[in-house]
Amino acid sequence: MPYLTLILFAPWFVILGALFWIYPRTPRTSMRALFDTTALLLAGIGSFLGMRWGYLNATLEAGPLWKQVLATLVAYGVFLGVMTLALMTRPRMLRSTEPDSSK
């Protein structure tokens, strides 16, 4: 059951992704939509790849459940890492693409 982690965390990833997409509510530009879509795709793909890596590289010496535990930890860590980086980058990136209203 290598995809158990993804099945169990999918609802939580959807909730976190929806909150990232919705807030803040303004400004809602096409550049922000592109940035948010890219960030969510990178987080999802990175989480999947991290989950696979954790499942395939876990040692069975720690017990048979360790594969699922490591896969969960890595998948969640990658997802949160990408989303945190996107949250810190989004305001600066969107500020630099706004038209200058002082002219």
PDB file of N, CA and C in Angstrom:
ATOM      1  N   MET A   1       0.838  -1.192   0.000  1.00  0.00           N
ATOM      2  CA  MET A   1       0.000   0.000   0.000  1.00  0.00           C
ATOM      3  C   MET A   1       0.881   1.253   0.000  1.00  0.00           C
ATOM      4  N   PRO A   2       1.630   1.476  -1.053  1.00  0.00           N
ATOM      5  CA  PRO A   2       2.555   2.611  -1.063  1.00  0.00           C
ATOM      6  C   PRO A   2       1.861   3.972  -1.131  1.00  0.00           C
ATOM      7  N   TYR A   3       0.608   4.030  -1.559  1.00  0.00           N
ATOM      8  CA  TYR A   3      -0.060   5.322  -1.716  1.00  0.00           C
ATOM      9  C   TYR A   3      -0.993   5.650  -0.560  1.00  0.00           C
ATOM     10  N   LEU A   4      -0.878   4.923   0.527  1.00  0.00           N
ATOM     11  CA  LEU A   4      -1.724   5.176   1.696  1.00  0.00           C
ATOM     12  C   LEU A   4      -1.526   6.596   2.223  1.00  0.00           C
ATOM     13  N   THR A   5      -0.292   7.057   2.224  1.00  0.00           N
ATOM     14  CA  THR A   5       0.001   8.414   2.687  1.00  0.00           C
ATOM     15  C   THR A   5      -0.763   9.448   1.879  1.00  0.00           C
ATOM     16  N   LEU A   6      -0.722   9.315   0.572  1.00  0.00           N
ATOM     17  CA  LEU A   6      -1.406  10.276  -0.294  1.00  0.00           C
ATOM     18  C   LEU A   6      -2.912  10.237  -0.073  1.00  0.00           C
ATOM     19  N   ILE A   7      -3.456   9.044   0.105  1.00  0.00           N
ATOM     20  CA  ILE A   7      -4.893   8.911   0.338  1.00  0.00           C
ATOM     21  C   ILE A   7      -5.286   9.573   1.657  1.00  0.00           C
ATOM     22  N   LEU A   8      -4.488   9.364   2.694  1.00  0.00           N
ATOM     23  CA  LEU A   8      -4.820   9.918   4.000  1.00  0.00           C
ATOM     24  C   LEU A   8      -4.617  11.428   4.083  1.00  0.00           C
ATOM     25  N   PHE A   9      -3.627  11.946   3.368  1.00  0.00           N
ATOM     26  CA  PHE A   9      -3.329  13.371   3.455  1.00  0.00           C
ATOM     27  C   PHE A   9      -4.021  14.211   2.383  1.00  0.00           C
ATOM     28  N   ALA A  10      -4.644  13.591   1.399  1.00  0.00           N
ATOM     29  CA  ALA A  10      -5.300  14.351   0.322  1.00  0.00           C
ATOM     30  C   ALA A  10      -6.318  15.364   0.857  1.00  0.00           C
ATOM     31  N   PRO A  11      -7.206  15.007   1.786  1.00  0.00           N
ATOM     32  CA  PRO A  11      -8.155  16.020   2.280  1.00  0.00           C
ATOM     33  C   PRO A  11      -7.456  17.199   2.958  1.00  0.00           C
ATOM     34  N   TRP A  12      -6.422  16.948   3.725  1.00  0.00           N
ATOM     35  CA  TRP A  12      -5.707  18.023   4.398  1.00  0.00           C
ATOM     36  C   TRP A  12      -4.966  18.896   3.384  1.00  0.00           C
ATOM     37  N   PHE A  13      -4.382  18.282   2.373  1.00  0.00           N
ATOM     38  CA  PHE A  13      -3.709  19.049   1.324  1.00  0.00           C
ATOM     39  C   PHE A  13      -4.717  19.914   0.561  1.00  0.00           C
ATOM     40  N   VAL A  14      -5.907  19.408   0.342  1.00  0.00           N
ATOM     41  CA  VAL A  14      -6.948  20.190  -0.347  1.00  0.00           C
ATOM     42  C   VAL A  14      -7.357  21.389   0.511  1.00  0.00           C
ATOM     43  N   ILE A  15      -7.512  21.188   1.802  1.00  0.00           N
ATOM     44  CA  ILE A  15      -7.880  22.295   2.696  1.00  0.00           C
ATOM     45  C   ILE A  15      -6.784  23.355   2.709  1.00  0.00           C
ATOM     46  N   LEU A  16      -5.538  22.935   2.885  1.00  0.00           N
ATOM     47  CA  LEU A  16      -4.432  23.902   2.900  1.00  0.00           C
ATOM     48  C   LEU A  16      -4.295  24.605   1.550  1.00  0.00           C
ATOM     49  N   GLY A  17      -4.452  23.859   0.468  1.00  0.00           N
ATOM     50  CA  GLY A  17      -4.375  24.463  -0.866  1.00  0.00           C
ATOM     51  C   GLY A  17      -5.487  25.463  -1.111  1.00  0.00           C
ATOM     52  N   ALA A  18      -6.694  25.144  -0.647  1.00  0.00           N
ATOM     53  CA  ALA A  18      -7.821  26.071  -0.816  1.00  0.00           C
ATOM     54  C   ALA A  18      -7.593  27.351  -0.021  1.00  0.00           C
ATOM     55  N   LEU A  19      -7.089  27.229   1.190  1.00  0.00           N
ATOM     56  CA  LEU A  19      -6.798  28.426   1.986  1.00  0.00           C
ATOM     57  C   LEU A  19      -5.715  29.275   1.323  1.00  0.00           C
ATOM     58  N   PHE A  20      -4.703  28.611   0.770  1.00  0.00           N
ATOM     59  CA  PHE A  20      -3.650  29.343   0.060  1.00  0.00           C
ATOM     60  C   PHE A  20      -4.231  30.066  -1.149  1.00  0.00           C
ATOM     61  N   TRP A  21      -5.133  29.413  -1.872  1.00  0.00           N
ATOM     62  CA  TRP A  21      -5.719  29.997  -3.079  1.00  0.00           C
ATOM     63  C   TRP A  21      -6.655  31.166  -2.739  1.00  0.00           C
ATOM     64  N   ILE A  22      -7.424  31.043  -1.678  1.00  0.00           N
ATOM     65  CA  ILE A  22      -8.459  32.022  -1.354  1.00  0.00           C
ATOM     66  C   ILE A  22      -7.898  33.274  -0.675  1.00  0.00           C
ATOM     67  N   TYR A  23      -6.981  33.106   0.261  1.00  0.00           N
ATOM     68  CA  TYR A  23      -6.510  34.247   1.064  1.00  0.00           C
ATOM     69  C   TYR A  23      -5.147  34.716   0.625  1.00  0.00           C
ATOM     70  N   PRO A  24      -4.872  35.994   0.608  1.00  0.00           N
ATOM     71  CA  PRO A  24      -5.810  37.101   0.778  1.00  0.00           C
ATOM     72  C   PRO A  24      -6.716  37.225  -0.442  1.00  0.00           C
ATOM     73  N   ARG A  25      -7.869  37.799  -0.242  1.00  0.00           N
ATOM     74  CA  ARG A  25      -8.875  37.846  -1.306  1.00  0.00           C
ATOM     75  C   ARG A  25      -8.533  38.840  -2.411  1.00  0.00           C
ATOM     76  N   THR A  26      -7.756  39.844  -2.115  1.00  0.00           N
ATOM     77  CA  THR A  26      -7.377  40.815  -3.137  1.00  0.00           C
ATOM     78  C   THR A  26      -5.876  40.989  -3.128  1.00  0.00           C
ATOM     79  N   PRO A  27      -5.225  41.401  -4.139  1.00  0.00           N
ATOM     80  CA  PRO A  27      -5.721  41.527  -5.515  1.00  0.00           C
ATOM     81  C   PRO A  27      -5.744  40.168  -6.201  1.00  0.00           C
ATOM     82  N   ARG A  28      -6.745  39.950  -7.004  1.00  0.00           N
ATOM     83  CA  ARG A  28      -6.912  38.697  -7.731  1.00  0.00           C
ATOM     84  C   ARG A  28      -6.573  38.957  -9.202  1.00  0.00           C
ATOM     85  N   THR A  29      -5.311  38.816  -9.552  1.00  0.00           N
ATOM     86  CA  THR A  29      -4.858  39.066 -10.912  1.00  0.00           C
ATOM     87  C   THR A  29      -4.525  37.742 -11.594  1.00  0.00           C
ATOM     88  N   SER A  30      -4.328  37.812 -12.897  1.00  0.00           N
ATOM     89  CA  SER A  30      -3.957  36.602 -13.630  1.00  0.00           C
ATOM     90  C   SER A  30      -2.560  36.138 -13.226  1.00  0.00           C
ATOM     91  N   MET A  31      -1.684  37.076 -12.877  1.00  0.00           N
ATOM     92  CA  MET A  31      -0.341  36.703 -12.421  1.00  0.00           C
ATOM     93  C   MET A  31      -0.409  35.947 -11.097  1.00  0.00           C
ATOM     94  N   ARG A  32      -1.288  36.381 -10.213  1.00  0.00           N
ATOM     95  CA  ARG A  32      -1.436  35.670  -8.938  1.00  0.00           C
ATOM     96  C   ARG A  32      -2.015  34.285  -9.166  1.00  0.00           C
ATOM     97  N   ALA A  33      -2.989  34.165 -10.047  1.00  0.00           N
ATOM     98  CA  ALA A  33      -3.576  32.856 -10.342  1.00  0.00           C
ATOM     99  C   ALA A  33      -2.524  31.905 -10.911  1.00  0.00           C
ATOM    100  N   LEU A  34      -1.678  32.424 -11.778  1.00  0.00           N
ATOM    101  CA  LEU A  34      -0.602  31.608 -12.341  1.00  0.00           C
ATOM    102  C   LEU A  34       0.391  31.195 -11.258  1.00  0.00           C
ATOM    103  N   PHE A  35       0.766  32.136 -10.398  1.00  0.00           N
ATOM    104  CA  PHE A  35       1.700  31.835  -9.313  1.00  0.00           C
ATOM    105  C   PHE A  35       1.109  30.797  -8.359  1.00  0.00           C
ATOM    106  N   ASP A  36      -0.152  30.990  -7.961  1.00  0.00           N
ATOM    107  CA  ASP A  36      -0.796  30.070  -7.025  1.00  0.00           C
ATOM    108  C   ASP A  36      -0.937  28.672  -7.631  1.00  0.00           C
ATOM    109  N   THR A  37      -1.321  28.599  -8.890  1.00  0.00           N
ATOM    110  CA  THR A  37      -1.450  27.310  -9.562  1.00  0.00           C
ATOM    111  C   THR A  37      -0.114  26.591  -9.620  1.00  0.00           C
ATOM    112  N   THR A  38       0.928  27.329  -9.983  1.00  0.00           N
ATOM    113  CA  THR A  38       2.264  26.738 -10.045  1.00  0.00           C
ATOM    114  C   THR A  38       2.721  26.252  -8.681  1.00  0.00           C
ATOM    115  N   ALA A  39       2.494  27.052  -7.650  1.00  0.00           N
ATOM    116  CA  ALA A  39       2.901  26.663  -6.294  1.00  0.00           C
ATOM    117  C   ALA A  39       2.161  25.410  -5.837  1.00  0.00           C
ATOM    118  N   LEU A  40       0.867  25.344  -6.099  1.00  0.00           N
ATOM    119  CA  LEU A  40       0.089  24.176  -5.689  1.00  0.00           C
ATOM    120  C   LEU A  40       0.502  22.923  -6.458  1.00  0.00           C
ATOM    121  N   LEU A  41       0.777  23.075  -7.739  1.00  0.00           N
ATOM    122  CA  LEU A  41       1.254  21.933  -8.520  1.00  0.00           C
ATOM    123  C   LEU A  41       2.614  21.450  -8.025  1.00  0.00           C
ATOM    124  N   LEU A  42       3.518  22.381  -7.764  1.00  0.00           N
ATOM    125  CA  LEU A  42       4.838  22.000  -7.251  1.00  0.00           C
ATOM    126  C   LEU A  42       4.726  21.318  -5.887  1.00  0.00           C
ATOM    127  N   ALA A  43       3.847  21.826  -5.034  1.00  0.00           N
ATOM    128  CA  ALA A  43       3.656  21.215  -3.718  1.00  0.00           C
ATOM    129  C   ALA A  43       3.090  19.804  -3.846  1.00  0.00           C
ATOM    130  N   GLY A  44       2.122  19.628  -4.722  1.00  0.00           N
ATOM    131  CA  GLY A  44       1.516  18.302  -4.906  1.00  0.00           C
ATOM    132  C   GLY A  44       2.488  17.303  -5.510  1.00  0.00           C
ATOM    133  N   ILE A  45       3.190  17.722  -6.550  1.00  0.00           N
ATOM    134  CA  ILE A  45       4.157  16.832  -7.195  1.00  0.00           C
ATOM    135  C   ILE A  45       5.320  16.540  -6.259  1.00  0.00           C
ATOM    136  N   GLY A  46       5.819  17.557  -5.580  1.00  0.00           N
ATOM    137  CA  GLY A  46       6.909  17.352  -4.633  1.00  0.00           C
ATOM    138  C   GLY A  46       6.506  16.434  -3.497  1.00  0.00           C
ATOM    139  N   SER A  47       5.284  16.587  -3.019  1.00  0.00           N
ATOM    140  CA  SER A  47       4.787  15.727  -1.953  1.00  0.00           C
ATOM    141  C   SER A  47       4.699  14.277  -2.425  1.00  0.00           C
ATOM    142  N   PHE A  48       4.206  14.066  -3.628  1.00  0.00           N
ATOM    143  CA  PHE A  48       4.124  12.715  -4.177  1.00  0.00           C
ATOM    144  C   PHE A  48       5.511  12.097  -4.326  1.00  0.00           C
ATOM    145  N   LEU A  49       6.445  12.860  -4.881  1.00  0.00           N
ATOM    146  CA  LEU A  49       7.806  12.340  -5.055  1.00  0.00           C
ATOM    147  C   LEU A  49       8.475  12.083  -3.704  1.00  0.00           C
ATOM    148  N   GLY A  50       8.250  12.957  -2.737  1.00  0.00           N
ATOM    149  CA  GLY A  50       8.793  12.740  -1.406  1.00  0.00           C
ATOM    150  C   GLY A  50       8.200  11.515  -0.739  1.00  0.00           C
ATOM    151  N   MET A  51       6.907  11.305  -0.952  1.00  0.00           N
ATOM    152  CA  MET A  51       6.250  10.128  -0.407  1.00  0.00           C
ATOM    153  C   MET A  51       6.847   8.853  -1.001  1.00  0.00           C
ATOM    154  N   ARG A  52       7.034   8.842  -2.298  1.00  0.00           N
ATOM    155  CA  ARG A  52       7.633   7.665  -2.956  1.00  0.00           C
ATOM    156  C   ARG A  52       9.049   7.433  -2.446  1.00  0.00           C
ATOM    157  N   TRP A  53       9.816   8.505  -2.326  1.00  0.00           N
ATOM    158  CA  TRP A  53      11.188   8.359  -1.837  1.00  0.00           C
ATOM    159  C   TRP A  53      11.194   7.789  -0.422  1.00  0.00           C
ATOM    160  N   GLY A  54      10.364   8.329   0.444  1.00  0.00           N
ATOM    161  CA  GLY A  54      10.305   7.849   1.821  1.00  0.00           C
ATOM    162  C   GLY A  54       9.879   6.395   1.909  1.00  0.00           C
ATOM    163  N   TYR A  55       8.911   6.014   1.090  1.00  0.00           N
ATOM    164  CA  TYR A  55       8.432   4.635   1.122  1.00  0.00           C
ATOM    165  C   TYR A  55       9.498   3.664   0.609  1.00  0.00           C
ATOM    166  N   LEU A  56      10.183   4.041  -0.446  1.00  0.00           N
ATOM    167  CA  LEU A  56      11.175   3.147  -1.049  1.00  0.00           C
ATOM    168  C   LEU A  56      12.482   3.087  -0.269  1.00  0.00           C
ATOM    169  N   ASN A  57      12.796   4.118   0.500  1.00  0.00           N
ATOM    170  CA  ASN A  57      14.082   4.170   1.189  1.00  0.00           C
ATOM    171  C   ASN A  57      14.006   3.889   2.689  1.00  0.00           C
ATOM    172  N   ALA A  58      12.831   3.601   3.201  1.00  0.00           N
ATOM    173  CA  ALA A  58      12.701   3.295   4.629  1.00  0.00           C
ATOM    174  C   ALA A  58      13.285   1.911   4.907  1.00  0.00           C
ATOM    175  N   THR A  59      13.981   1.807   6.014  1.00  0.00           N
ATOM    176  CA  THR A  59      14.550   0.524   6.406  1.00  0.00           C
ATOM    177  C   THR A  59      13.524  -0.292   7.183  1.00  0.00           C
ATOM    178  N   LEU A  60      13.475  -1.552   6.915  1.00  0.00           N
ATOM    179  CA  LEU A  60      12.532  -2.418   7.617  1.00  0.00           C
ATOM    180  C   LEU A  60      13.035  -2.824   8.994  1.00  0.00           C
ATOM    181  N   GLU A  61      14.262  -2.463   9.325  1.00  0.00           N
ATOM    182  CA  GLU A  61      14.804  -2.786  10.642  1.00  0.00           C
ATOM    183  C   GLU A  61      14.031  -2.070  11.753  1.00  0.00           C
ATOM    184  N   ALA A  62      13.413  -0.956  11.429  1.00  0.00           N
ATOM    185  CA  ALA A  62      12.653  -0.195  12.421  1.00  0.00           C
ATOM    186  C   ALA A  62      11.235  -0.715  12.571  1.00  0.00           C
ATOM    187  N   GLY A  63      10.853  -1.663  11.744  1.00  0.00           N
ATOM    188  CA  GLY A  63       9.511  -2.231  11.813  1.00  0.00           C
ATOM    189  C   GLY A  63       8.781  -2.048  10.501  1.00  0.00           C
ATOM    190  N   PRO A  64       7.764  -2.847  10.265  1.00  0.00           N
ATOM    191  CA  PRO A  64       7.066  -2.797   8.979  1.00  0.00           C
ATOM    192  C   PRO A  64       6.257  -1.511   8.772  1.00  0.00           C
ATOM    193  N   LEU A  65       5.860  -0.871   9.841  1.00  0.00           N
ATOM    194  CA  LEU A  65       5.076   0.361   9.721  1.00  0.00           C
ATOM    195  C   LEU A  65       5.935   1.571   9.376  1.00  0.00           C
ATOM    196  N   TRP A  66       7.248   1.457   9.540  1.00  0.00           N
ATOM    197  CA  TRP A  66       8.147   2.584   9.331  1.00  0.00           C
ATOM    198  C   TRP A  66       8.074   3.119   7.905  1.00  0.00           C
ATOM    199  N   LYS A  67       7.820   2.262   6.919  1.00  0.00           N
ATOM    200  CA  LYS A  67       7.698   2.733   5.532  1.00  0.00           C
ATOM    201  C   LYS A  67       6.592   3.784   5.418  1.00  0.00           C
ATOM    202  N   GLN A  68       5.448   3.506   6.024  1.00  0.00           N
ATOM    203  CA  GLN A  68       4.332   4.450   5.964  1.00  0.00           C
ATOM    204  C   GLN A  68       4.627   5.715   6.766  1.00  0.00           C
ATOM    205  N   VAL A  69       5.267   5.543   7.913  1.00  0.00           N
ATOM    206  CA  VAL A  69       5.575   6.702   8.757  1.00  0.00           C
ATOM    207  C   VAL A  69       6.545   7.639   8.049  1.00  0.00           C
ATOM    208  N   LEU A  70       7.618   7.094   7.507  1.00  0.00           N
ATOM    209  CA  LEU A  70       8.597   7.933   6.811  1.00  0.00           C
ATOM    210  C   LEU A  70       7.980   8.580   5.573  1.00  0.00           C
ATOM    211  N   ALA A  71       7.187   7.822   4.823  1.00  0.00           N
ATOM    212  CA  ALA A  71       6.531   8.389   3.642  1.00  0.00           C
ATOM    213  C   ALA A  71       5.628   9.554   4.033  1.00  0.00           C
ATOM    214  N   THR A  72       4.909   9.413   5.135  1.00  0.00           N
ATOM    215  CA  THR A  72       4.026  10.479   5.610  1.00  0.00           C
ATOM    216  C   THR A  72       4.811  11.711   6.022  1.00  0.00           C
ATOM    217  N   LEU A  73       5.877  11.504   6.784  1.00  0.00           N
ATOM    218  CA  LEU A  73       6.688  12.630   7.247  1.00  0.00           C
ATOM    219  C   LEU A  73       7.304  13.404   6.088  1.00  0.00           C
ATOM    220  N   VAL A  74       7.845  12.690   5.138  1.00  0.00           N
ATOM    221  CA  VAL A  74       8.496  13.353   4.006  1.00  0.00           C
ATOM    222  C   VAL A  74       7.459  14.066   3.135  1.00  0.00           C
ATOM    223  N   ALA A  75       6.345  13.404   2.839  1.00  0.00           N
ATOM    224  CA  ALA A  75       5.316  14.020   1.996  1.00  0.00           C
ATOM    225  C   ALA A  75       4.773  15.295   2.620  1.00  0.00           C
ATOM    226  N   TYR A  76       4.474  15.246   3.912  1.00  0.00           N
ATOM    227  CA  TYR A  76       3.933  16.409   4.607  1.00  0.00           C
ATOM    228  C   TYR A  76       4.978  17.519   4.702  1.00  0.00           C
ATOM    229  N   GLY A  77       6.213  17.153   4.978  1.00  0.00           N
ATOM    230  CA  GLY A  77       7.285  18.141   5.066  1.00  0.00           C
ATOM    231  C   GLY A  77       7.528  18.855   3.748  1.00  0.00           C
ATOM    232  N   VAL A  78       7.526  18.111   2.663  1.00  0.00           N
ATOM    233  CA  VAL A  78       7.732  18.727   1.345  1.00  0.00           C
ATOM    234  C   VAL A  78       6.570  19.651   1.008  1.00  0.00           C
ATOM    235  N   PHE A  79       5.341  19.198   1.247  1.00  0.00           N
ATOM    236  CA  PHE A  79       4.177  20.030   0.951  1.00  0.00           C
ATOM    237  C   PHE A  79       4.221  21.337   1.735  1.00  0.00           C
ATOM    238  N   LEU A  80       4.456  21.230   3.043  1.00  0.00           N
ATOM    239  CA  LEU A  80       4.510  22.442   3.862  1.00  0.00           C
ATOM    240  C   LEU A  80       5.693  23.325   3.502  1.00  0.00           C
ATOM    241  N   GLY A  81       6.818  22.732   3.138  1.00  0.00           N
ATOM    242  CA  GLY A  81       7.987  23.518   2.741  1.00  0.00           C
ATOM    243  C   GLY A  81       7.720  24.332   1.486  1.00  0.00           C
ATOM    244  N   VAL A  82       7.129  23.701   0.487  1.00  0.00           N
ATOM    245  CA  VAL A  82       6.819  24.419  -0.760  1.00  0.00           C
ATOM    246  C   VAL A  82       5.775  25.499  -0.507  1.00  0.00           C
ATOM    247  N   MET A  83       4.747  25.201   0.279  1.00  0.00           N
ATOM    248  CA  MET A  83       3.705  26.187   0.544  1.00  0.00           C
ATOM    249  C   MET A  83       4.239  27.354   1.376  1.00  0.00           C
ATOM    250  N   THR A  84       5.116  27.073   2.321  1.00  0.00           N
ATOM    251  CA  THR A  84       5.712  28.150   3.116  1.00  0.00           C
ATOM    252  C   THR A  84       6.563  29.055   2.244  1.00  0.00           C
ATOM    253  N   LEU A  85       7.364  28.470   1.388  1.00  0.00           N
ATOM    254  CA  LEU A  85       8.181  29.258   0.454  1.00  0.00           C
ATOM    255  C   LEU A  85       7.290  30.097  -0.468  1.00  0.00           C
ATOM    256  N   ALA A  86       6.201  29.518  -0.936  1.00  0.00           N
ATOM    257  CA  ALA A  86       5.276  30.258  -1.801  1.00  0.00           C
ATOM    258  C   ALA A  86       4.610  31.400  -1.040  1.00  0.00           C
ATOM    259  N   LEU A  87       4.236  31.166   0.220  1.00  0.00           N
ATOM    260  CA  LEU A  87       3.624  32.232   1.022  1.00  0.00           C
ATOM    261  C   LEU A  87       4.583  33.395   1.245  1.00  0.00           C
ATOM    262  N   MET A  88       5.861  33.092   1.423  1.00  0.00           N
ATOM    263  CA  MET A  88       6.843  34.158   1.643  1.00  0.00           C
ATOM    264  C   MET A  88       7.200  34.872   0.339  1.00  0.00           C
ATOM    265  N   THR A  89       7.123  34.170  -0.768  1.00  0.00           N
ATOM    266  CA  THR A  89       7.514  34.734  -2.059  1.00  0.00           C
ATOM    267  C   THR A  89       6.387  35.505  -2.729  1.00  0.00           C
ATOM    268  N   ARG A  90       5.153  35.080  -2.544  1.00  0.00           N
ATOM    269  CA  ARG A  90       4.012  35.666  -3.259  1.00  0.00           C
ATOM    270  C   ARG A  90       3.875  37.175  -3.089  1.00  0.00           C
ATOM    271  N   PRO A  91       3.950  37.743  -1.881  1.00  0.00           N
ATOM    272  CA  PRO A  91       3.778  39.201  -1.781  1.00  0.00           C
ATOM    273  C   PRO A  91       4.861  39.979  -2.530  1.00  0.00           C
ATOM    274  N   ARG A  92       6.091  39.531  -2.427  1.00  0.00           N
ATOM    275  CA  ARG A  92       7.176  40.239  -3.127  1.00  0.00           C
ATOM    276  C   ARG A  92       7.048  40.106  -4.636  1.00  0.00           C
ATOM    277  N   MET A  93       6.688  38.917  -5.099  1.00  0.00           N
ATOM    278  CA  MET A  93       6.574  38.709  -6.538  1.00  0.00           C
ATOM    279  C   MET A  93       5.400  39.495  -7.115  1.00  0.00           C
ATOM    280  N   LEU A  94       4.292  39.500  -6.427  1.00  0.00           N
ATOM    281  CA  LEU A  94       3.121  40.215  -6.940  1.00  0.00           C
ATOM    282  C   LEU A  94       3.299  41.729  -6.832  1.00  0.00           C
ATOM    283  N   ARG A  95       4.038  42.192  -5.834  1.00  0.00           N
ATOM    284  CA  ARG A  95       4.305  43.611  -5.710  1.00  0.00           C
ATOM    285  C   ARG A  95       5.177  44.100  -6.876  1.00  0.00           C
ATOM    286  N   SER A  96       6.105  43.261  -7.312  1.00  0.00           N
ATOM    287  CA  SER A  96       7.000  43.665  -8.377  1.00  0.00           C
ATOM    288  C   SER A  96       6.316  43.637  -9.747  1.00  0.00           C
ATOM    289  N   THR A  97       5.146  42.980  -9.859  1.00  0.00           N
ATOM    290  CA  THR A  97       4.458  42.947 -11.152  1.00  0.00           C
ATOM    291  C   THR A  97       3.303  43.931 -11.257  1.00  0.00           C
ATOM    292  N   GLU A  98       2.999  44.642 -10.164  1.00  0.00           N
ATOM    293  CA  GLU A  98       1.916  45.640 -10.198  1.00  0.00           C
ATOM    294  C   GLU A  98       2.353  46.840 -11.033  1.00  0.00           C
ATOM    295  N   PRO A  99       1.407  47.395 -11.795  1.00  0.00           N
ATOM    296  CA  PRO A  99       1.740  48.624 -12.532  1.00  0.00           C
ATOM    297  C   PRO A  99       1.985  49.774 -11.568  1.00  0.00           C
ATOM    298  N   ASP A 100       2.897  50.620 -11.916  1.00  0.00           N
ATOM    299  CA  ASP A 100       3.249  51.759 -11.063  1.00  0.00           C
ATOM    300  C   ASP A 100       2.168  52.831 -11.186  1.00  0.00           C
ATOM    301  N   SER A 101       1.435  53.098 -10.112  1.00  0.00           N
ATOM    302  CA  SER A 101       0.339  54.054 -10.147  1.00  0.00           C
ATOM    303  C   SER A 101       0.794  55.483  -9.864  1.00  0.00           C
ATOM    304  N   SER A 102       2.067  55.683  -9.543  1.00  0.00           N
ATOM    305  CA  SER A 102       2.542  57.030  -9.229  1.00  0.00           C
ATOM    306  C   SER A 102       2.882  57.840 -10.462  1.00  0.00           C
ATOM    307  N   LYS A 103       2.850  57.237 -11.621  1.00  0.00           N
ATOM    308  CA  LYS A 103       3.202  57.944 -12.851  1.00  0.00           C
ATOM    309  C   LYS A 103       2.033  58.676 -13.432  1.00  0.00           C
TER     310      LYS A 103
END
